[in-house]
Amino acid sequence: LVHGDVFRPPRHGMLLSVLVASGVQVLSMALITLVFACLGFLSPANRGSLMTCGLVLYVCLGTPAGYVAARIYKSFGGERWGLNVLLTSTLCPGIVFGITLLLNFVMWAYGSSAALPFLTILALIGLWFGVSVPLTFIGAYFGFKKRVMEHPVRTNQIPRQIPEQSIYTRPLPCVLMGGILPFGCIFVQLFFILSSIWSSQI
């Protein structure tokens, strides 16, 4: 019944392609890091080697992210390829970097030794804009040069009418039920475990 609507381009195709590409980048980085760790290249004795390997791999894997974003966005019939590549290389890393910077300012204010030095932050910005962004553009160039992905079925001209959804199947209640219930269970268990470990001196 729905075969003619499965491959209809979504309303926010740009955002979907950017997030899928960022997911591919993170997944590739995690898998390669795990392989290196399993082969013994990342020793626990060498502090920070796992984080350094993950960061360097994430920066270097901008090419597959740009390629995937370009292929998906082109299959949606998108025309604004420059914005697509720019968002792919800056949206998710920018959010993570902004949160890290904010937390770092708080740690600086409290004089914590865990705060990142200013030169390290500059080095991360240099890696991001000097390596990751150009690699994303290279991957997107090859992705946009390829032909559009062909879907196995044709998409109907007129979309099917979606029946009215009940209140509990709408996005906000689903997010709340899917997030609050597991969090509540985990929080209660963790509270008891930590209370027993620290003898209620939390």
Protein backbone atom coordinates (compact mmCIF):
# COMPACT_ATOMS: atom_id res chain seq x y z
CA LEU A 1 0.00 0.00 0.00
CA VAL A 2 2.81 2.44 0.72
CA HIS A 3 5.37 1.41 -1.91
CA GLY A 4 4.70 4.58 -3.91
CA ASP A 5 5.50 6.83 -0.95
CA VAL A 6 8.55 5.12 0.55
CA PHE A 7 11.13 7.10 -1.43
CA ARG A 8 9.37 10.47 -1.35
CA PRO A 9 11.91 13.21 -0.46
CA PRO A 10 11.44 14.39 3.14
CA ARG A 11 10.59 17.97 4.08
CA HIS A 12 13.98 18.52 5.72
CA GLY A 13 16.16 16.57 3.29
CA MET A 14 19.15 18.82 3.87
CA LEU A 15 19.15 18.18 7.63
CA LEU A 16 18.59 14.43 7.17
CA SER A 17 21.52 14.10 4.76
CA VAL A 18 23.79 16.12 7.10
CA LEU A 19 22.89 14.03 10.15
CA VAL A 20 23.24 10.71 8.31
CA ALA A 21 26.67 11.79 7.04
CA SER A 22 27.76 12.81 10.55
CA GLY A 23 26.57 9.42 11.80
CA VAL A 24 28.64 7.67 9.13
CA GLN A 25 31.67 9.71 10.20
CA VAL A 26 31.23 8.85 13.91
CA LEU A 27 30.50 5.17 13.19
CA SER A 28 33.56 4.83 10.94
CA MET A 29 35.73 6.52 13.57
CA ALA A 30 34.42 4.23 16.33
CA LEU A 31 34.90 1.05 14.29
CA ILE A 32 38.46 1.90 13.21
CA THR A 33 39.37 2.95 16.78
CA LEU A 34 38.01 -0.36 18.11
CA VAL A 35 40.01 -2.31 15.52
CA PHE A 36 43.20 -0.45 16.51
CA ALA A 37 42.45 -1.06 20.19
CA CYS A 38 41.79 -4.79 19.61
CA LEU A 39 45.06 -5.12 17.69
CA GLY A 40 46.93 -3.61 20.64
CA PHE A 41 47.99 -0.30 19.08
CA LEU A 42 46.17 1.74 21.76
CA SER A 43 47.60 0.71 25.10
CA PRO A 44 45.81 1.72 28.33
CA ALA A 45 49.26 2.54 29.74
CA ASN A 46 49.55 5.43 27.27
CA ARG A 47 47.10 7.99 28.69
CA GLY A 48 45.02 9.84 26.14
CA SER A 49 45.98 7.64 23.19
CA LEU A 50 42.38 6.46 22.68
CA MET A 51 41.03 10.02 22.66
CA THR A 52 43.81 11.24 20.37
CA CYS A 53 43.23 8.37 17.94
CA GLY A 54 39.48 9.03 17.94
CA LEU A 55 39.90 12.76 17.27
CA VAL A 56 42.46 12.28 14.49
CA LEU A 57 40.33 9.60 12.82
CA TYR A 58 37.18 11.76 13.09
CA VAL A 59 38.99 14.65 11.42
CA CYS A 60 40.42 12.43 8.67
CA LEU A 61 37.08 10.74 7.93
CA GLY A 62 35.48 13.91 6.59
CA THR A 63 35.69 12.48 3.06
CA PRO A 64 33.16 9.64 3.57
CA ALA A 65 30.88 12.06 5.43
CA GLY A 66 30.90 14.52 2.52
CA TYR A 67 30.38 11.70 0.01
CA VAL A 68 27.38 10.24 1.87
CA ALA A 69 25.82 13.68 2.42
CA ALA A 70 26.19 14.53 -1.26
CA ARG A 71 24.74 11.23 -2.49
CA ILE A 72 21.72 11.39 -0.18
CA TYR A 73 21.07 15.08 -0.81
CA LYS A 74 21.34 14.59 -4.57
CA SER A 75 18.87 11.68 -4.42
CA PHE A 76 16.39 14.08 -2.74
CA GLY A 77 16.76 16.44 -5.71
CA GLY A 78 18.64 19.06 -3.71
CA GLU A 79 20.31 21.95 -5.49
CA ARG A 80 22.14 23.83 -2.71
CA TRP A 81 25.22 21.61 -2.57
CA GLY A 82 27.48 24.29 -1.05
CA LEU A 83 25.25 24.72 2.00
CA ASN A 84 24.94 20.94 2.30
CA VAL A 85 28.71 20.46 2.44
CA LEU A 86 29.18 23.40 4.80
CA LEU A 87 26.55 22.07 7.21
CA THR A 88 28.02 18.56 7.01
CA SER A 89 31.44 19.81 8.04
CA THR A 90 30.29 22.29 10.70
CA LEU A 91 26.87 21.47 12.23
CA CYS A 92 27.50 18.44 14.47
CA PRO A 93 31.18 19.20 15.21
CA GLY A 94 30.19 22.82 15.91
CA ILE A 95 27.57 21.78 18.48
CA VAL A 96 30.02 19.43 20.23
CA PHE A 97 32.81 22.03 20.11
CA GLY A 98 30.51 24.74 21.49
CA ILE A 99 29.46 22.57 24.45
CA THR A 100 33.09 21.58 25.08
CA LEU A 101 34.18 25.23 24.99
CA LEU A 102 31.42 26.25 27.41
CA LEU A 103 32.38 23.48 29.86
CA ASN A 104 36.03 24.43 29.45
CA PHE A 105 35.27 28.04 30.42
CA VAL A 106 33.53 26.77 33.55
CA MET A 107 36.57 24.60 34.39
CA TRP A 108 38.90 27.57 33.80
CA ALA A 109 36.75 29.68 36.13
CA TYR A 110 37.07 27.07 38.88
CA GLY A 111 40.81 26.59 38.23
CA SER A 112 40.43 22.91 37.39
CA SER A 113 43.44 20.95 36.12
CA ALA A 114 41.11 19.07 33.72
CA ALA A 115 40.58 22.21 31.58
CA LEU A 116 42.03 22.16 28.08
CA PRO A 117 44.88 24.61 27.48
CA PHE A 118 44.27 27.49 25.06
CA LEU A 119 46.84 26.13 22.55
CA THR A 120 45.06 22.76 22.49
CA ILE A 121 41.79 24.49 21.62
CA LEU A 122 43.56 26.38 18.81
CA ALA A 123 45.04 23.09 17.55
CA LEU A 124 41.56 21.50 17.51
CA ILE A 125 40.17 24.46 15.54
CA GLY A 126 43.10 24.17 13.12
CA LEU A 127 42.46 20.44 12.63
CA TRP A 128 38.76 21.09 12.12
CA PHE A 129 39.04 23.88 9.54
CA GLY A 130 42.40 22.89 8.06
CA VAL A 131 41.81 19.16 7.58
CA SER A 132 38.21 18.09 8.18
CA VAL A 133 36.41 20.81 6.19
CA PRO A 134 38.57 20.42 3.03
CA LEU A 135 38.26 16.61 3.20
CA THR A 136 34.47 16.96 3.45
CA PHE A 137 34.46 19.15 0.35
CA ILE A 138 36.58 16.58 -1.52
CA GLY A 139 34.19 13.76 -0.55
CA ALA A 140 31.17 15.85 -1.55
CA TYR A 141 32.77 16.65 -4.92
CA PHE A 142 33.02 12.95 -5.74
CA GLY A 143 29.52 12.32 -4.33
CA PHE A 144 27.89 15.00 -6.48
CA LYS A 145 29.74 13.77 -9.59
CA LYS A 146 28.13 10.31 -9.30
CA ARG A 147 24.76 9.62 -10.86
CA VAL A 148 21.62 9.94 -8.76
CA MET A 149 20.73 6.76 -6.86
CA GLU A 150 17.89 4.92 -8.60
CA HIS A 151 15.05 3.78 -6.38
CA PRO A 152 13.55 0.31 -6.90
CA VAL A 153 9.98 1.68 -7.13
CA ARG A 154 8.46 4.82 -8.58
CA THR A 155 7.15 7.52 -6.27
CA ASN A 156 3.50 8.50 -6.73
CA GLN A 157 2.77 12.05 -7.86
CA ILE A 158 0.10 12.55 -5.18
CA PRO A 159 1.10 11.61 -1.63
CA ARG A 160 -1.13 9.27 0.35
CA GLN A 161 -3.29 10.85 3.00
CA ILE A 162 -1.96 10.15 6.49
CA PRO A 163 -4.74 9.48 9.02
CA GLU A 164 -4.96 11.64 12.14
CA GLN A 165 -2.53 10.39 14.80
CA SER A 166 -3.56 9.70 18.38
CA ILE A 167 -2.01 11.89 21.09
CA TYR A 168 0.51 9.28 22.29
CA THR A 169 1.93 8.63 18.80
CA ARG A 170 2.87 12.28 18.20
CA PRO A 171 6.57 13.25 18.42
CA LEU A 172 6.68 15.00 21.82
CA PRO A 173 4.89 12.28 23.86
CA CYS A 174 6.98 9.60 22.10
CA VAL A 175 10.21 11.44 22.96
CA LEU A 176 9.13 11.88 26.58
CA MET A 177 8.06 8.24 26.99
CA GLY A 178 11.13 6.93 25.19
CA GLY A 179 13.50 9.06 27.28
CA ILE A 180 12.01 9.58 30.73
CA LEU A 181 11.09 5.95 31.45
CA PRO A 182 14.56 4.43 30.83
CA PHE A 183 16.24 7.41 32.52
CA GLY A 184 14.03 6.99 35.59
CA CYS A 185 14.85 3.27 35.89
CA ILE A 186 18.59 3.82 35.44
CA PHE A 187 18.66 6.82 37.79
CA VAL A 188 16.94 4.94 40.65
CA GLN A 189 19.26 1.94 40.31
CA LEU A 190 22.34 4.15 40.04
CA PHE A 191 21.30 6.14 43.10
CA PHE A 192 21.14 2.98 45.24
CA ILE A 193 24.43 1.62 43.86
CA LEU A 194 26.30 4.88 44.47
CA SER A 195 24.73 5.28 47.91
CA SER A 196 25.99 1.83 48.92
CA ILE A 197 29.45 2.48 47.49
CA TRP A 198 29.90 5.89 49.14
CA SER A 199 27.91 5.09 52.33
CA SER A 200 25.37 7.85 51.61
CA GLN A 201 28.15 10.50 51.56
CA ILE A 202 27.45 11.69 48.02
